[in-house]
All heavy atoms as atom14 arrays in JSON, in Angstrom:
{
  "sequence": "FLDVRSYPEVESLQLKLEYHIEVLHIPIDEIPDRIGEIPRDRMVGI",
  "atom14_mask": [
    [1, 1, 1, 1, 1, 1, 1, 1, 1, 1, 1, 0, 0, 0],
    [1, 1, 1, 1, 1, 1, 1, 1, 0, 0, 0, 0, 0, 0],
    [1, 1, 1, 1, 1, 1, 1, 1, 0, 0, 0, 0, 0, 0],
    [1, 1, 1, 1, 1, 1, 1, 0, 0, 0, 0, 0, 0, 0],
    [1, 1, 1, 1, 1, 1, 1, 1, 1, 1, 1, 0, 0, 0],
    [1, 1, 1, 1, 1, 1, 0, 0, 0, 0, 0, 0, 0, 0],
    [1, 1, 1, 1, 1, 1, 1, 1, 1, 1, 1, 1, 0, 0],
    [1, 1, 1, 1, 1, 1, 1, 0, 0, 0, 0, 0, 0, 0],
    [1, 1, 1, 1, 1, 1, 1, 1, 1, 0, 0, 0, 0, 0],
    [1, 1, 1, 1, 1, 1, 1, 0, 0, 0, 0, 0, 0, 0],
    [1, 1, 1, 1, 1, 1, 1, 1, 1, 0, 0, 0, 0, 0],
    [1, 1, 1, 1, 1, 1, 0, 0, 0, 0, 0, 0, 0, 0],
    [1, 1, 1, 1, 1, 1, 1, 1, 0, 0, 0, 0, 0, 0],
    [1, 1, 1, 1, 1, 1, 1, 1, 1, 0, 0, 0, 0, 0],
    [1, 1, 1, 1, 1, 1, 1, 1, 0, 0, 0, 0, 0, 0],
    [1, 1, 1, 1, 1, 1, 1, 1, 1, 0, 0, 0, 0, 0],
    [1, 1, 1, 1, 1, 1, 1, 1, 0, 0, 0, 0, 0, 0],
    [1, 1, 1, 1, 1, 1, 1, 1, 1, 0, 0, 0, 0, 0],
    [1, 1, 1, 1, 1, 1, 1, 1, 1, 1, 1, 1, 0, 0],
    [1, 1, 1, 1, 1, 1, 1, 1, 1, 1, 0, 0, 0, 0],
    [1, 1, 1, 1, 1, 1, 1, 1, 0, 0, 0, 0, 0, 0],
    [1, 1, 1, 1, 1, 1, 1, 1, 1, 0, 0, 0, 0, 0],
    [1, 1, 1, 1, 1, 1, 1, 0, 0, 0, 0, 0, 0, 0],
    [1, 1, 1, 1, 1, 1, 1, 1, 0, 0, 0, 0, 0, 0],
    [1, 1, 1, 1, 1, 1, 1, 1, 1, 1, 0, 0, 0, 0],
    [1, 1, 1, 1, 1, 1, 1, 1, 0, 0, 0, 0, 0, 0],
    [1, 1, 1, 1, 1, 1, 1, 0, 0, 0, 0, 0, 0, 0],
    [1, 1, 1, 1, 1, 1, 1, 1, 0, 0, 0, 0, 0, 0],
    [1, 1, 1, 1, 1, 1, 1, 1, 0, 0, 0, 0, 0, 0],
    [1, 1, 1, 1, 1, 1, 1, 1, 1, 0, 0, 0, 0, 0],
    [1, 1, 1, 1, 1, 1, 1, 1, 0, 0, 0, 0, 0, 0],
    [1, 1, 1, 1, 1, 1, 1, 0, 0, 0, 0, 0, 0, 0],
    [1, 1, 1, 1, 1, 1, 1, 1, 0, 0, 0, 0, 0, 0],
    [1, 1, 1, 1, 1, 1, 1, 1, 1, 1, 1, 0, 0, 0],
    [1, 1, 1, 1, 1, 1, 1, 1, 0, 0, 0, 0, 0, 0],
    [1, 1, 1, 1, 0, 0, 0, 0, 0, 0, 0, 0, 0, 0],
    [1, 1, 1, 1, 1, 1, 1, 1, 1, 0, 0, 0, 0, 0],
    [1, 1, 1, 1, 1, 1, 1, 1, 0, 0, 0, 0, 0, 0],
    [1, 1, 1, 1, 1, 1, 1, 0, 0, 0, 0, 0, 0, 0],
    [1, 1, 1, 1, 1, 1, 1, 1, 1, 1, 1, 0, 0, 0],
    [1, 1, 1, 1, 1, 1, 1, 1, 0, 0, 0, 0, 0, 0],
    [1, 1, 1, 1, 1, 1, 1, 1, 1, 1, 1, 0, 0, 0],
    [1, 1, 1, 1, 1, 1, 1, 1, 0, 0, 0, 0, 0, 0],
    [1, 1, 1, 1, 1, 1, 1, 0, 0, 0, 0, 0, 0, 0],
    [1, 1, 1, 1, 0, 0, 0, 0, 0, 0, 0, 0, 0, 0],
    [1, 1, 1, 1, 1, 1, 1, 1, 0, 0, 0, 0, 0, 0]
  ],
  "atom14_positions": [
    [[0.88, -1.17, 0.0], [0.0, 0.0, 0.0], [0.91, 1.22, 0.0], [1.58, 1.49, 0.99], [-0.87, -0.05, 1.26], [-1.85, 1.09, 1.41], [-3.08, 1.05, 0.79], [-1.54, 2.16, 2.23], [-4.0, 2.08, 0.98], [-2.44, 3.2, 2.41], [-3.68, 3.15, 1.78], [0.0, 0.0, 0.0], [0.0, 0.0, 0.0], [0.0, 0.0, 0.0]],
    [[1.0, 1.92, -1.12], [1.86, 3.1, -1.25], [1.03, 4.35, -0.99], [0.18, 4.73, -1.8], [2.5, 3.16, -2.63], [3.34, 4.4, -2.95], [4.5, 4.56, -1.96], [3.84, 4.35, -4.39], [0.0, 0.0, 0.0], [0.0, 0.0, 0.0], [0.0, 0.0, 0.0], [0.0, 0.0, 0.0], [0.0, 0.0, 0.0], [0.0, 0.0, 0.0]],
    [[1.26, 4.97, 0.15], [0.55, 6.17, 0.58], [1.35, 7.37, 0.12], [2.46, 7.6, 0.6], [0.42, 6.13, 2.1], [-0.41, 7.26, 2.68], [-0.72, 8.23, 1.96], [-0.75, 7.17, 3.88], [0.0, 0.0, 0.0], [0.0, 0.0, 0.0], [0.0, 0.0, 0.0], [0.0, 0.0, 0.0], [0.0, 0.0, 0.0], [0.0, 0.0, 0.0]],
    [[0.8, 8.17, -0.8], [1.54, 9.31, -1.36], [1.06, 10.64, -0.79], [1.38, 11.71, -1.32], [1.48, 9.32, -2.91], [2.15, 8.08, -3.47], [0.06, 9.47, -3.44], [0.0, 0.0, 0.0], [0.0, 0.0, 0.0], [0.0, 0.0, 0.0], [0.0, 0.0, 0.0], [0.0, 0.0, 0.0], [0.0, 0.0, 0.0], [0.0, 0.0, 0.0]],
    [[0.33, 10.58, 0.34], [-0.11, 11.81, 0.99], [1.06, 12.53, 1.65], [2.11, 11.95, 1.9], [-1.17, 11.5, 2.06], [-2.45, 10.9, 1.5], [-3.41, 10.5, 2.61], [-2.78, 9.54, 3.5], [-3.02, 9.44, 4.81], [-3.87, 10.26, 5.39], [-2.42, 8.53, 5.55], [0.0, 0.0, 0.0], [0.0, 0.0, 0.0], [0.0, 0.0, 0.0]],
    [[0.87, 13.8, 1.96], [1.9, 14.61, 2.61], [2.08, 14.18, 4.07], [1.23, 13.5, 4.64], [1.51, 16.08, 2.57], [0.37, 16.3, 3.4], [0.0, 0.0, 0.0], [0.0, 0.0, 0.0], [0.0, 0.0, 0.0], [0.0, 0.0, 0.0], [0.0, 0.0, 0.0], [0.0, 0.0, 0.0], [0.0, 0.0, 0.0], [0.0, 0.0, 0.0]],
    [[3.2, 14.61, 4.66], [3.44, 14.31, 6.08], [2.33, 14.87, 6.99], [1.86, 14.16, 7.87], [4.81, 14.82, 6.53], [5.95, 14.03, 5.93], [6.76, 14.59, 4.95], [6.21, 12.72, 6.34], [7.8, 13.86, 4.38], [7.24, 11.99, 5.78], [8.04, 12.56, 4.8], [9.05, 11.84, 4.25], [0.0, 0.0, 0.0], [0.0, 0.0, 0.0]],
    [[1.89, 16.14, 6.8], [0.81, 16.64, 7.66], [-0.48, 15.82, 7.53], [-1.17, 15.6, 8.52], [0.6, 18.08, 7.18], [1.92, 18.47, 6.59], [2.46, 17.21, 5.96], [0.0, 0.0, 0.0], [0.0, 0.0, 0.0], [0.0, 0.0, 0.0], [0.0, 0.0, 0.0], [0.0, 0.0, 0.0], [0.0, 0.0, 0.0], [0.0, 0.0, 0.0]],
    [[-0.79, 15.35, 6.32], [-1.99, 14.51, 6.15], [-1.86, 13.2, 6.91], [-2.8, 12.75, 7.55], [-2.22, 14.19, 4.67], [-2.74, 15.34, 3.86], [-2.81, 14.98, 2.4], [-1.75, 14.83, 1.77], [-3.94, 14.84, 1.9], [0.0, 0.0, 0.0], [0.0, 0.0, 0.0], [0.0, 0.0, 0.0], [0.0, 0.0, 0.0], [0.0, 0.0, 0.0]],
    [[-0.7, 12.59, 6.81], [-0.48, 11.31, 7.49], [-0.54, 11.5, 9.0], [-1.11, 10.68, 9.71], [0.86, 10.67, 7.05], [1.24, 9.49, 7.92], [0.78, 10.25, 5.59], [0.0, 0.0, 0.0], [0.0, 0.0, 0.0], [0.0, 0.0, 0.0], [0.0, 0.0, 0.0], [0.0, 0.0, 0.0], [0.0, 0.0, 0.0], [0.0, 0.0, 0.0]],
    [[0.02, 12.61, 9.49], [-0.03, 12.88, 10.93], [-1.45, 13.15, 11.4], [-1.82, 12.76, 12.51], [0.88, 14.05, 11.27], [2.35, 13.69, 11.16], [3.27, 14.89, 11.39], [2.82, 15.9, 11.98], [4.43, 14.8, 10.98], [0.0, 0.0, 0.0], [0.0, 0.0, 0.0], [0.0, 0.0, 0.0], [0.0, 0.0, 0.0], [0.0, 0.0, 0.0]],
    [[-2.27, 13.79, 10.57], [-3.63, 14.1, 10.99], [-4.56, 12.9, 10.87], [-5.52, 12.78, 11.63], [-4.19, 15.28, 10.18], [-4.37, 14.9, 8.84], [0.0, 0.0, 0.0], [0.0, 0.0, 0.0], [0.0, 0.0, 0.0], [0.0, 0.0, 0.0], [0.0, 0.0, 0.0], [0.0, 0.0, 0.0], [0.0, 0.0, 0.0], [0.0, 0.0, 0.0]],
    [[-4.29, 12.0, 9.94], [-5.1, 10.79, 9.8], [-4.2, 9.64, 9.39], [-3.86, 9.48, 8.22], [-6.21, 10.98, 8.78], [-7.17, 9.8, 8.62], [-7.84, 9.45, 9.94], [-8.2, 10.1, 7.57], [0.0, 0.0, 0.0], [0.0, 0.0, 0.0], [0.0, 0.0, 0.0], [0.0, 0.0, 0.0], [0.0, 0.0, 0.0], [0.0, 0.0, 0.0]],
    [[-3.77, 8.87, 10.39], [-2.88, 7.75, 10.13], [-3.7, 6.51, 9.77], [-4.72, 6.24, 10.38], [-2.01, 7.47, 11.35], [-1.06, 8.62, 11.62], [-0.11, 8.32, 12.76], [0.05, 7.18, 13.17], [0.54, 9.35, 13.26], [0.0, 0.0, 0.0], [0.0, 0.0, 0.0], [0.0, 0.0, 0.0], [0.0, 0.0, 0.0], [0.0, 0.0, 0.0]],
    [[-3.21, 5.8, 8.78], [-3.86, 4.56, 8.34], [-2.97, 3.4, 8.78], [-1.98, 3.09, 8.14], [-4.03, 4.57, 6.82], [-4.83, 5.75, 6.27], [-4.77, 5.76, 4.75], [-6.26, 5.7, 6.75], [0.0, 0.0, 0.0], [0.0, 0.0, 0.0], [0.0, 0.0, 0.0], [0.0, 0.0, 0.0], [0.0, 0.0, 0.0], [0.0, 0.0, 0.0]],
    [[-3.32, 2.82, 9.89], [-2.55, 1.7, 10.44], [-3.08, 0.41, 9.82], [-4.05, -0.16, 10.3], [-2.67, 1.66, 11.96], [-2.14, 2.9, 12.64], [-0.63, 2.93, 12.58], [-0.09, 4.03, 13.44], [1.35, 4.05, 13.48], [0.0, 0.0, 0.0], [0.0, 0.0, 0.0], [0.0, 0.0, 0.0], [0.0, 0.0, 0.0], [0.0, 0.0, 0.0]],
    [[-2.46, -0.03, 8.78], [-2.93, -1.2, 8.04], [-1.99, -2.4, 8.17], [-2.08, -3.34, 7.4], [-3.1, -0.85, 6.56], [-4.09, 0.27, 6.26], [-4.02, 0.63, 4.78], [-5.48, -0.14, 6.66], [0.0, 0.0, 0.0], [0.0, 0.0, 0.0], [0.0, 0.0, 0.0], [0.0, 0.0, 0.0], [0.0, 0.0, 0.0], [0.0, 0.0, 0.0]],
    [[-1.09, -2.36, 9.13], [-0.08, -3.41, 9.26], [-0.67, -4.8, 9.43], [-0.06, -5.78, 9.05], [0.9, -3.09, 10.39], [1.86, -1.96, 10.05], [1.25, -0.57, 10.13], [0.17, -0.4, 10.74], [1.85, 0.37, 9.59], [0.0, 0.0, 0.0], [0.0, 0.0, 0.0], [0.0, 0.0, 0.0], [0.0, 0.0, 0.0], [0.0, 0.0, 0.0]],
    [[-1.87, -4.9, 10.03], [-2.51, -6.21, 10.15], [-2.88, -6.76, 8.77], [-3.04, -7.95, 8.59], [-3.78, -6.14, 11.01], [-3.5, -6.12, 12.47], [-3.73, -4.99, 13.23], [-3.01, -7.26, 13.11], [-3.49, -4.98, 14.59], [-2.75, -7.25, 14.47], [-3.0, -6.11, 15.2], [-2.75, -6.1, 16.54], [0.0, 0.0, 0.0], [0.0, 0.0, 0.0]],
    [[-3.08, -5.86, 7.84], [-3.56, -6.24, 6.52], [-2.46, -6.35, 5.48], [-2.45, -7.28, 4.68], [-4.56, -5.19, 6.0], [-5.8, -5.1, 6.81], [-6.8, -6.04, 6.76], [-6.22, -4.16, 7.7], [-7.78, -5.69, 7.57], [-7.46, -4.56, 8.15], [0.0, 0.0, 0.0], [0.0, 0.0, 0.0], [0.0, 0.0, 0.0], [0.0, 0.0, 0.0]],
    [[-1.55, -5.39, 5.45], [-0.68, -5.23, 4.3], [0.54, -4.38, 4.67], [0.49, -3.61, 5.63], [-1.49, -4.55, 3.16], [-0.77, -4.63, 1.83], [-1.86, -3.12, 3.52], [-1.65, -4.22, 0.66], [0.0, 0.0, 0.0], [0.0, 0.0, 0.0], [0.0, 0.0, 0.0], [0.0, 0.0, 0.0], [0.0, 0.0, 0.0], [0.0, 0.0, 0.0]],
    [[1.6, -4.5, 3.9], [2.76, -3.62, 4.11], [2.42, -2.22, 3.61], [1.86, -2.05, 2.54], [3.97, -4.14, 3.33], [5.18, -3.24, 3.51], [6.4, -3.69, 2.71], [6.45, -4.85, 2.29], [7.29, -2.84, 2.51], [0.0, 0.0, 0.0], [0.0, 0.0, 0.0], [0.0, 0.0, 0.0], [0.0, 0.0, 0.0], [0.0, 0.0, 0.0]],
    [[2.74, -1.23, 4.44], [2.46, 0.16, 4.1], [3.79, 0.88, 3.85], [4.72, 0.77, 4.64], [1.69, 0.88, 5.23], [1.5, 2.36, 4.91], [0.36, 0.19, 5.48], [0.0, 0.0, 0.0], [0.0, 0.0, 0.0], [0.0, 0.0, 0.0], [0.0, 0.0, 0.0], [0.0, 0.0, 0.0], [0.0, 0.0, 0.0], [0.0, 0.0, 0.0]],
    [[3.85, 1.61, 2.75], [5.01, 2.41, 2.4], [4.53, 3.84, 2.21], [3.65, 4.09, 1.38], [5.63, 1.86, 1.11], [6.87, 2.53, 0.55], [8.01, 2.5, 1.56], [7.29, 1.84, -0.74], [0.0, 0.0, 0.0], [0.0, 0.0, 0.0], [0.0, 0.0, 0.0], [0.0, 0.0, 0.0], [0.0, 0.0, 0.0], [0.0, 0.0, 0.0]],
    [[5.04, 4.78, 3.02], [4.64, 6.18, 2.89], [5.75, 6.96, 2.21], [6.85, 7.09, 2.75], [4.33, 6.8, 4.26], [4.05, 8.27, 4.17], [4.79, 9.2, 4.8], [3.11, 8.95, 3.46], [4.33, 10.41, 4.51], [3.3, 10.27, 3.7], [0.0, 0.0, 0.0], [0.0, 0.0, 0.0], [0.0, 0.0, 0.0], [0.0, 0.0, 0.0]],
    [[5.46, 7.45, 1.01], [6.37, 8.33, 0.29], [5.52, 9.44, -0.31], [4.75, 9.2, -1.25], [7.13, 7.6, -0.85], [7.87, 6.37, -0.32], [8.1, 8.57, -1.53], [8.56, 5.54, -1.41], [0.0, 0.0, 0.0], [0.0, 0.0, 0.0], [0.0, 0.0, 0.0], [0.0, 0.0, 0.0], [0.0, 0.0, 0.0], [0.0, 0.0, 0.0]],
    [[5.61, 10.67, 0.23], [4.82, 11.77, -0.34], [5.13, 11.95, -1.83], [6.24, 11.68, -2.28], [5.28, 12.99, 0.47], [5.81, 12.41, 1.74], [6.42, 11.1, 1.37], [0.0, 0.0, 0.0], [0.0, 0.0, 0.0], [0.0, 0.0, 0.0], [0.0, 0.0, 0.0], [0.0, 0.0, 0.0], [0.0, 0.0, 0.0], [0.0, 0.0, 0.0]],
    [[4.15, 12.41, -2.57], [4.28, 12.52, -4.03], [5.52, 13.29, -4.45], [6.2, 12.91, -5.39], [3.0, 13.11, -4.67], [3.09, 13.02, -6.21], [2.75, 14.52, -4.18], [1.8, 13.42, -6.9], [0.0, 0.0, 0.0], [0.0, 0.0, 0.0], [0.0, 0.0, 0.0], [0.0, 0.0, 0.0], [0.0, 0.0, 0.0], [0.0, 0.0, 0.0]],
    [[5.86, 14.34, -3.73], [7.01, 15.15, -4.12], [8.35, 14.47, -3.85], [9.39, 14.92, -4.33], [6.97, 16.53, -3.45], [6.96, 16.46, -1.93], [6.26, 15.6, -1.38], [7.66, 17.27, -1.3], [0.0, 0.0, 0.0], [0.0, 0.0, 0.0], [0.0, 0.0, 0.0], [0.0, 0.0, 0.0], [0.0, 0.0, 0.0], [0.0, 0.0, 0.0]],
    [[8.34, 13.35, -3.11], [9.57, 12.61, -2.84], [9.71, 11.36, -3.72], [10.74, 10.68, -3.68], [9.62, 12.2, -1.37], [9.73, 13.38, -0.43], [9.79, 12.97, 1.04], [10.03, 11.78, 1.32], [9.58, 13.85, 1.89], [0.0, 0.0, 0.0], [0.0, 0.0, 0.0], [0.0, 0.0, 0.0], [0.0, 0.0, 0.0], [0.0, 0.0, 0.0]],
    [[8.67, 11.05, -4.49], [8.69, 9.83, -5.31], [9.91, 9.77, -6.24], [10.6, 8.74, -6.29], [7.38, 9.67, -6.12], [6.2, 9.42, -5.16], [7.49, 8.59, -7.17], [6.14, 8.05, -4.53], [0.0, 0.0, 0.0], [0.0, 0.0, 0.0], [0.0, 0.0, 0.0], [0.0, 0.0, 0.0], [0.0, 0.0, 0.0], [0.0, 0.0, 0.0]],
    [[10.25, 10.83, -6.99], [11.41, 10.72, -7.89], [12.71, 10.36, -7.17], [13.51, 9.57, -7.68], [11.5, 12.1, -8.54], [10.11, 12.64, -8.47], [9.56, 12.12, -7.16], [0.0, 0.0, 0.0], [0.0, 0.0, 0.0], [0.0, 0.0, 0.0], [0.0, 0.0, 0.0], [0.0, 0.0, 0.0], [0.0, 0.0, 0.0], [0.0, 0.0, 0.0]],
    [[12.93, 10.91, -5.97], [14.16, 10.65, -5.23], [14.14, 9.32, -4.49], [15.2, 8.79, -4.15], [14.43, 11.78, -4.23], [14.71, 13.1, -4.92], [15.25, 13.09, -6.04], [14.35, 14.15, -4.34], [0.0, 0.0, 0.0], [0.0, 0.0, 0.0], [0.0, 0.0, 0.0], [0.0, 0.0, 0.0], [0.0, 0.0, 0.0], [0.0, 0.0, 0.0]],
    [[12.96, 8.78, -4.23], [12.86, 7.56, -3.43], [12.28, 6.38, -4.21], [11.86, 5.39, -3.63], [12.0, 7.85, -2.18], [12.66, 8.88, -1.26], [11.8, 9.22, -0.07], [11.5, 8.05, 0.74], [10.59, 8.03, 1.72], [9.89, 9.13, 2.01], [10.37, 6.92, 2.41], [0.0, 0.0, 0.0], [0.0, 0.0, 0.0], [0.0, 0.0, 0.0]],
    [[12.28, 6.48, -5.51], [11.67, 5.45, -6.36], [12.27, 4.07, -6.11], [11.58, 3.06, -6.23], [11.73, 5.84, -7.85], [10.79, 4.95, -8.67], [13.15, 5.8, -8.36], [10.55, 5.43, -10.08], [0.0, 0.0, 0.0], [0.0, 0.0, 0.0], [0.0, 0.0, 0.0], [0.0, 0.0, 0.0], [0.0, 0.0, 0.0], [0.0, 0.0, 0.0]],
    [[13.52, 4.02, -5.72], [14.17, 2.74, -5.44], [13.56, 1.97, -4.29], [13.77, 0.77, -4.16], [0.0, 0.0, 0.0], [0.0, 0.0, 0.0], [0.0, 0.0, 0.0], [0.0, 0.0, 0.0], [0.0, 0.0, 0.0], [0.0, 0.0, 0.0], [0.0, 0.0, 0.0], [0.0, 0.0, 0.0], [0.0, 0.0, 0.0], [0.0, 0.0, 0.0]],
    [[12.78, 2.64, -3.44], [12.11, 1.98, -2.32], [10.83, 1.26, -2.73], [10.28, 0.47, -1.97], [11.77, 3.01, -1.23], [12.99, 3.67, -0.61], [12.59, 4.77, 0.36], [11.6, 4.59, 1.11], [13.27, 5.82, 0.38], [0.0, 0.0, 0.0], [0.0, 0.0, 0.0], [0.0, 0.0, 0.0], [0.0, 0.0, 0.0], [0.0, 0.0, 0.0]],
    [[10.35, 1.56, -3.93], [9.09, 0.98, -4.4], [9.4, -0.31, -5.15], [10.11, -0.28, -6.16], [8.34, 1.98, -5.31], [8.12, 3.3, -4.56], [7.02, 1.37, -5.78], [7.63, 4.44, -5.43], [0.0, 0.0, 0.0], [0.0, 0.0, 0.0], [0.0, 0.0, 0.0], [0.0, 0.0, 0.0], [0.0, 0.0, 0.0], [0.0, 0.0, 0.0]],
    [[8.9, -1.43, -4.67], [9.23, -2.71, -5.3], [8.62, -2.85, -6.69], [7.49, -2.43, -6.93], [8.65, -3.75, -4.34], [7.62, -3.04, -3.55], [8.01, -1.59, -3.51], [0.0, 0.0, 0.0], [0.0, 0.0, 0.0], [0.0, 0.0, 0.0], [0.0, 0.0, 0.0], [0.0, 0.0, 0.0], [0.0, 0.0, 0.0], [0.0, 0.0, 0.0]],
    [[9.4, -3.44, -7.59], [8.92, -3.68, -8.95], [8.28, -5.06, -9.08], [7.53, -5.29, -10.02], [10.08, -3.6, -9.94], [10.62, -2.21, -10.13], [11.76, -2.22, -11.14], [12.24, -0.88, -11.39], [11.75, -0.07, -12.33], [10.79, -0.47, -13.1], [12.25, 1.13, -12.48], [0.0, 0.0, 0.0], [0.0, 0.0, 0.0], [0.0, 0.0, 0.0]],
    [[8.58, -5.96, -8.16], [8.14, -7.34, -8.27], [6.9, -7.66, -7.45], [6.55, -8.82, -7.27], [9.28, -8.28, -7.87], [9.74, -8.06, -6.44], [9.43, -7.01, -5.85], [10.42, -8.96, -5.91], [0.0, 0.0, 0.0], [0.0, 0.0, 0.0], [0.0, 0.0, 0.0], [0.0, 0.0, 0.0], [0.0, 0.0, 0.0], [0.0, 0.0, 0.0]],
    [[6.23, -6.63, -6.95], [5.02, -6.82, -6.13], [3.94, -5.88, -6.62], [4.23, -4.86, -7.22], [5.35, -6.53, -4.66], [6.38, -7.5, -4.12], [7.01, -7.04, -2.83], [6.02, -6.93, -1.76], [6.3, -6.4, -0.58], [7.51, -5.95, -0.31], [5.38, -6.34, 0.35], [0.0, 0.0, 0.0], [0.0, 0.0, 0.0], [0.0, 0.0, 0.0]],
    [[2.68, -6.22, -6.33], [1.6, -5.31, -6.66], [1.67, -4.12, -5.72], [1.79, -4.29, -4.5], [0.24, -6.0, -6.51], [-0.95, -5.07, -6.75], [-0.95, -4.23, -8.35], [-1.3, -5.59, -9.44], [0.0, 0.0, 0.0], [0.0, 0.0, 0.0], [0.0, 0.0, 0.0], [0.0, 0.0, 0.0], [0.0, 0.0, 0.0], [0.0, 0.0, 0.0]],
    [[1.61, -2.93, -6.28], [1.66, -1.69, -5.5], [0.35, -0.94, -5.73], [0.05, -0.54, -6.86], [2.87, -0.81, -5.93], [2.85, 0.51, -5.16], [4.18, -1.55, -5.71], [0.0, 0.0, 0.0], [0.0, 0.0, 0.0], [0.0, 0.0, 0.0], [0.0, 0.0, 0.0], [0.0, 0.0, 0.0], [0.0, 0.0, 0.0], [0.0, 0.0, 0.0]],
    [[-0.42, -0.79, -4.65], [-1.64, -0.01, -4.7], [-1.32, 1.4, -4.23], [-0.86, 1.6, -3.11], [0.0, 0.0, 0.0], [0.0, 0.0, 0.0], [0.0, 0.0, 0.0], [0.0, 0.0, 0.0], [0.0, 0.0, 0.0], [0.0, 0.0, 0.0], [0.0, 0.0, 0.0], [0.0, 0.0, 0.0], [0.0, 0.0, 0.0], [0.0, 0.0, 0.0]],
    [[-1.54, 2.38, -5.09], [-1.18, 3.77, -4.79], [-2.4, 4.5, -4.22], [-3.47, 4.48, -4.8], [-0.69, 4.48, -6.06], [0.41, 3.66, -6.74], [-0.2, 5.89, -5.73], [0.67, 4.06, -8.18], [0.0, 0.0, 0.0], [0.0, 0.0, 0.0], [0.0, 0.0, 0.0], [0.0, 0.0, 0.0], [0.0, 0.0, 0.0], [0.0, 0.0, 0.0]]
  ]
}
């Protein structure tokens, strides 16, 4: 589960989904610099 919301949004409403799925938080403006953290071999729900 790739959460692309901003840090203030995540702090105001956290989605604790660890019981369900792996959560990766990368705000949209950081995606180009952190693209290596996003797995290519797994389904990624944005």
